[in-house]
Amino acid sequence: MQSACSPKTFRKTNYVCKSHVLALMSQCDVAFHRVFDRHGQVRLGMMRHMFVIIDTSRTMDDQDLKPNRLTSTLKLMEYFVDEYFDQNPISQIGIITSKNKRAEKLTDLAGNPKKHIAALKKAVDTVCGGEPSLYNSLSMAMETLKHMPGHASREVLVIFSSLTTCDPSNIYELIKTLKTLKIRVSVIGLSAEVRVCTVLTRETGGTYHVILDESHFRELLTYHVKPPPASSSSECSLIRMGFPQHTIASLTDQDSKPSFSMSHLDSSSGPSLTLGGYFCPQCRSKYTELPVECKVCGLTLVSAPHLARSFHHLFPLDPFPEVPLTDYKGERFCHACQGQLKDQKVFSCPTCCSVFCVECDLFIHDSLHCCPSCIHSQSAP
């Protein structure tokens, strides 16, 4: 009888098929056309709970990404975390790493981007080794996500470098469980297409892409910044939220007393006494930053700008149609940057008919989320 720890007992080697696209695209074409279509008029989730699983097996030492796959991935993940919370300020994220057939939780599910970025910076010194375990990593993420409320999305993003996965049990049974719990799993492959990842993403409703280079890797991560379409079976319910105002006490105020912040309970820097902060309107617990879930009463504490930044996901700006520059009869300058139009195609707002260059069109749809000419005409008397 074989030992339970023997690789022959549970190793499932997945045959791969190389599916890289060899066609080269110019930077101009990439700028003109977004890689992914927008979701259109569908319901999107504003409150997201996502775990990112990062493969730290021996294949992450490969140098096809400079200086190696691990360093490049962690640097891009810092960008992803920053953009994720900028576009989804009332959402949460957690990070899991996998190597030597085990899974380790790098950060818990939380809404503090500084905490995640600090953990990613420390992970640069990680020693890669062994094989990853998709089963153990997904199980660890599932144990937390299955307790999340029904009105919030449950997502897992896997950064997978290896061509094999070393699992202690049948991963296809786990895929069925993930599908039942409505946990959407997406995969970004760094090597080639792997059969088990194809099945995993297809069954759970996620996406699967293999990178071409580092810039393509960044685009794929950017795609996951925006919330995916909400499930038709997801719950619709009212959510209690608190909107605390920042209180600053003066040192000369005799009634003001220094106090500890609840945020320091899970901080390695240790507690510190401060005078000001955000006080929960329900239990008066103090926090140093928003958004956060109150550790005492469970109330979600946010600010009005956080909800305003999430609002554009509900009503996204329609894409501007392309117009050949030769067919445009108006003045040849961009209505946003006032620069001369030199590209072969320009983008026209269907409402006010203003035209924009490629860079301004990307900025309007990715950052501004409104047409500046339309806003200017509305504010004019």
Foldseek 3Di string as FASTA:
>chain_A
DDDLPDLVQFWDFFDFDFDDDPDDDDPVVCLQDPPDDDPPQFAFALEAWEEEEEEQAPLQQPPLAPPTNLVLVLVLVLVLLVLLCLLRVNYWYWYWYFFPLAIDTQGDTWRDSVSVNVSSVVCVPPDHHHFGAPQRHVVVLCVPQLPDALSYAAEYEYEEEDSTHRYSDDVVVVLVVCLVSLYAYEYEYAHRDTPVNVVSNVSNVYYYYYADYSVSVSSVSVVVSATDGDDPPGDDDDAAAFEFDKDADDPPDPPFDWDWAPVQPPPPVHTDTHRIATAGPPPGGGHHDDQGQDPPPRHTYHHPVSVVSNVCSNPFDDQFDKDAPVPDDDQQAAPPPRHGNDDRIWGADPPPRGTHHSVVSCCCRPPVRDDPVVVVVVPDD
